[in-house]
Amino acid sequence: MFRRTFWFTAGAAAGVWATTKVNRKLRQLTPESLAAQAADRAIETGHKLKDFALDVRESMVRREAELGEALGLEASADPDLPVQRHFVVEAAEPVGPDRSLEAADRRTLPYHSYNRNEDH
């Protein structure tokens, strides 16, 4: 008698457990649930991509600063800071009053440029 009661109870418990598992899986496979899961994964992927882009930008700014120091350039890496003035390269000639650039903004040839992108 006790043996039958034990097996009946064990079978009922297994049935309840199996029914619960199947119902959970069915709820996960409904269209609304699948859409919510896809949206959550898309948001998570967007956050990961944003973090990656920020890491790349930070590394790029850091490397740019390292290269600037190595080449002797003093460009500001922070975009909020004002941009440095660029120099005009001209042949040596007297600066007249009709020129728009100041004499301090001029460099005369020849000077050695480390910019490999210039026309030689």
C-alpha atoms as a PDB file:
ATOM      1  CA  MET A   1       0.000   0.000   0.000  1.00  0.00           C
ATOM      2  CA  PHE A   2       2.747   2.465   0.934  1.00  0.00           C
ATOM      3  CA  ARG A   3       4.646   1.455  -2.117  1.00  0.00           C
ATOM      4  CA  ARG A   4       1.763   2.357  -4.413  1.00  0.00           C
ATOM      5  CA  THR A   5       1.239   5.667  -2.598  1.00  0.00           C
ATOM      6  CA  PHE A   6       4.937   6.512  -2.985  1.00  0.00           C
ATOM      7  CA  TRP A   7       4.940   5.794  -6.718  1.00  0.00           C
ATOM      8  CA  PHE A   8       1.655   7.619  -7.220  1.00  0.00           C
ATOM      9  CA  THR A   9       3.079  10.713  -5.451  1.00  0.00           C
ATOM     10  CA  ALA A  10       6.371  10.487  -7.380  1.00  0.00           C
ATOM     11  CA  GLY A  11       4.465  10.225 -10.680  1.00  0.00           C
ATOM     12  CA  ALA A  12       2.222  13.176  -9.796  1.00  0.00           C
ATOM     13  CA  ALA A  13       5.263  15.293  -8.851  1.00  0.00           C
ATOM     14  CA  ALA A  14       7.031  14.340 -12.101  1.00  0.00           C
ATOM     15  CA  GLY A  15       3.892  15.224 -14.065  1.00  0.00           C
ATOM     16  CA  VAL A  16       3.586  18.631 -12.383  1.00  0.00           C
ATOM     17  CA  TRP A  17       7.299  19.304 -12.987  1.00  0.00           C
ATOM     18  CA  ALA A  18       7.093  18.289 -16.670  1.00  0.00           C
ATOM     19  CA  THR A  19       3.906  20.318 -17.222  1.00  0.00           C
ATOM     20  CA  THR A  20       5.530  23.392 -15.667  1.00  0.00           C
ATOM     21  CA  LYS A  21       8.641  23.033 -17.865  1.00  0.00           C
ATOM     22  CA  VAL A  22       6.571  22.609 -21.039  1.00  0.00           C
ATOM     23  CA  ASN A  23       4.358  25.606 -20.215  1.00  0.00           C
ATOM     24  CA  ARG A  24       7.440  27.799 -19.582  1.00  0.00           C
ATOM     25  CA  LYS A  25       8.972  26.767 -22.897  1.00  0.00           C
ATOM     26  CA  LEU A  26       5.680  27.438 -24.730  1.00  0.00           C
ATOM     27  CA  ARG A  27       5.485  30.901 -23.171  1.00  0.00           C
ATOM     28  CA  GLN A  28       9.051  31.609 -24.340  1.00  0.00           C
ATOM     29  CA  LEU A  29       8.128  30.656 -27.892  1.00  0.00           C
ATOM     30  CA  THR A  30       5.140  32.973 -28.260  1.00  0.00           C
ATOM     31  CA  PRO A  31       5.565  35.768 -30.833  1.00  0.00           C
ATOM     32  CA  GLU A  32       5.399  38.492 -28.169  1.00  0.00           C
ATOM     33  CA  SER A  33       8.073  36.812 -26.075  1.00  0.00           C
ATOM     34  CA  LEU A  34      10.320  36.250 -29.102  1.00  0.00           C
ATOM     35  CA  ALA A  35       9.934  39.905 -30.093  1.00  0.00           C
ATOM     36  CA  ALA A  36      10.803  41.045 -26.572  1.00  0.00           C
ATOM     37  CA  GLN A  37      13.873  38.788 -26.505  1.00  0.00           C
ATOM     38  CA  ALA A  38      15.014  40.104 -29.887  1.00  0.00           C
ATOM     39  CA  ALA A  39      14.538  43.694 -28.740  1.00  0.00           C
ATOM     40  CA  ASP A  40      16.525  43.047 -25.552  1.00  0.00           C
ATOM     41  CA  ARG A  41      19.356  41.474 -27.528  1.00  0.00           C
ATOM     42  CA  ALA A  42      19.354  44.349 -30.018  1.00  0.00           C
ATOM     43  CA  ILE A  43      19.598  46.880 -27.196  1.00  0.00           C
ATOM     44  CA  GLU A  44      22.384  44.876 -25.564  1.00  0.00           C
ATOM     45  CA  THR A  45      24.265  44.684 -28.881  1.00  0.00           C
ATOM     46  CA  GLY A  46      23.819  48.442 -29.362  1.00  0.00           C
ATOM     47  CA  HIS A  47      25.339  49.102 -25.944  1.00  0.00           C
ATOM     48  CA  LYS A  48      28.279  46.825 -26.742  1.00  0.00           C
ATOM     49  CA  LEU A  49      28.862  48.594 -30.070  1.00  0.00           C
ATOM     50  CA  LYS A  50      28.697  51.989 -28.374  1.00  0.00           C
ATOM     51  CA  ASP A  51      31.236  50.886 -25.756  1.00  0.00           C
ATOM     52  CA  PHE A  52      33.494  49.546 -28.507  1.00  0.00           C
ATOM     53  CA  ALA A  53      33.272  52.819 -30.455  1.00  0.00           C
ATOM     54  CA  LEU A  54      34.107  54.828 -27.317  1.00  0.00           C
ATOM     55  CA  ASP A  55      37.099  52.571 -26.618  1.00  0.00           C
ATOM     56  CA  VAL A  56      38.319  52.984 -30.202  1.00  0.00           C
ATOM     57  CA  ARG A  57      37.923  56.758 -30.016  1.00  0.00           C
ATOM     58  CA  GLU A  58      39.760  56.925 -26.685  1.00  0.00           C
ATOM     59  CA  SER A  59      42.617  54.792 -28.016  1.00  0.00           C
ATOM     60  CA  MET A  60      42.767  56.859 -31.193  1.00  0.00           C
ATOM     61  CA  VAL A  61      43.075  60.114 -29.254  1.00  0.00           C
ATOM     62  CA  ARG A  62      45.709  58.589 -26.977  1.00  0.00           C
ATOM     63  CA  ARG A  63      47.751  57.283 -29.938  1.00  0.00           C
ATOM     64  CA  GLU A  64      47.403  60.594 -31.756  1.00  0.00           C
ATOM     65  CA  ALA A  65      48.787  62.374 -28.710  1.00  0.00           C
ATOM     66  CA  GLU A  66      51.684  59.896 -28.521  1.00  0.00           C
ATOM     67  CA  LEU A  67      52.498  60.445 -32.185  1.00  0.00           C
ATOM     68  CA  GLY A  68      52.221  64.202 -31.752  1.00  0.00           C
ATOM     69  CA  GLU A  69      54.696  64.094 -28.883  1.00  0.00           C
ATOM     70  CA  ALA A  70      57.055  61.845 -30.839  1.00  0.00           C
ATOM     71  CA  LEU A  71      56.975  64.157 -33.865  1.00  0.00           C
ATOM     72  CA  GLY A  72      57.183  67.328 -31.817  1.00  0.00           C
ATOM     73  CA  LEU A  73      53.718  68.524 -32.746  1.00  0.00           C
ATOM     74  CA  GLU A  74      51.740  70.325 -30.118  1.00  0.00           C
ATOM     75  CA  ALA A  75      48.213  69.739 -31.366  1.00  0.00           C
ATOM     76  CA  SER A  76      45.482  69.594 -28.786  1.00  0.00           C
ATOM     77  CA  ALA A  77      43.768  66.213 -28.579  1.00  0.00           C
ATOM     78  CA  ASP A  78      40.691  67.620 -26.882  1.00  0.00           C
ATOM     79  CA  PRO A  79      38.075  68.770 -29.432  1.00  0.00           C
ATOM     80  CA  ASP A  80      36.727  71.384 -26.977  1.00  0.00           C
ATOM     81  CA  LEU A  81      40.020  73.279 -26.969  1.00  0.00           C
ATOM     82  CA  PRO A  82      40.684  75.897 -29.641  1.00  0.00           C
ATOM     83  CA  VAL A  83      42.553  74.782 -32.732  1.00  0.00           C
ATOM     84  CA  GLN A  84      46.120  75.993 -33.180  1.00  0.00           C
ATOM     85  CA  ARG A  85      46.821  78.487 -35.894  1.00  0.00           C
ATOM     86  CA  HIS A  86      48.352  77.177 -39.101  1.00  0.00           C
ATOM     87  CA  PHE A  87      51.379  78.808 -40.674  1.00  0.00           C
ATOM     88  CA  VAL A  88      51.580  79.962 -44.266  1.00  0.00           C
ATOM     89  CA  VAL A  89      54.700  78.895 -46.137  1.00  0.00           C
ATOM     90  CA  GLU A  90      55.968  81.438 -48.630  1.00  0.00           C
ATOM     91  CA  ALA A  91      59.213  82.350 -50.253  1.00  0.00           C
ATOM     92  CA  ALA A  92      61.148  85.064 -48.459  1.00  0.00           C
ATOM     93  CA  GLU A  93      59.663  88.422 -49.437  1.00  0.00           C
ATOM     94  CA  PRO A  94      58.964  91.610 -47.605  1.00  0.00           C
ATOM     95  CA  VAL A  95      55.679  91.754 -45.792  1.00  0.00           C
ATOM     96  CA  GLY A  96      53.690  94.753 -46.890  1.00  0.00           C
ATOM     97  CA  PRO A  97      50.806  96.507 -45.149  1.00  0.00           C
ATOM     98  CA  ASP A  98      48.329  95.119 -47.692  1.00  0.00           C
ATOM     99  CA  ARG A  99      48.890  91.509 -46.535  1.00  0.00           C
ATOM    100  CA  SER A 100      46.139  89.972 -44.407  1.00  0.00           C
ATOM    101  CA  LEU A 101      48.440  87.668 -42.436  1.00  0.00           C
ATOM    102  CA  GLU A 102      50.731  88.874 -39.728  1.00  0.00           C
ATOM    103  CA  ALA A 103      54.487  88.433 -40.017  1.00  0.00           C
ATOM    104  CA  ALA A 104      54.426  86.034 -37.063  1.00  0.00           C
ATOM    105  CA  ASP A 105      52.182  83.668 -39.023  1.00  0.00           C
ATOM    106  CA  ARG A 106      54.641  83.315 -41.906  1.00  0.00           C
ATOM    107  CA  ARG A 107      57.467  80.868 -42.378  1.00  0.00           C
ATOM    108  CA  THR A 108      59.960  81.318 -45.110  1.00  0.00           C
ATOM    109  CA  LEU A 109      61.426  78.638 -47.330  1.00  0.00           C
ATOM    110  CA  PRO A 110      63.490  76.565 -46.968  1.00  0.00           C
ATOM    111  CA  TYR A 111      62.373  74.828 -43.850  1.00  0.00           C
ATOM    112  CA  HIS A 112      62.220  71.117 -43.170  1.00  0.00           C
ATOM    113  CA  SER A 113      58.734  69.677 -42.897  1.00  0.00           C
ATOM    114  CA  TYR A 114      58.090  66.259 -41.422  1.00  0.00           C
ATOM    115  CA  ASN A 115      54.750  66.002 -43.201  1.00  0.00           C
ATOM    116  CA  ARG A 116      55.048  63.150 -45.709  1.00  0.00           C
ATOM    117  CA  ASN A 117      51.764  64.138 -47.367  1.00  0.00           C
ATOM    118  CA  GLU A 118      53.167  67.382 -48.763  1.00  0.00           C
ATOM    119  CA  ASP A 119      54.036  67.631 -52.428  1.00  0.00           C
ATOM    120  CA  HIS A 120      57.800  67.526 -52.871  1.00  0.00           C
END
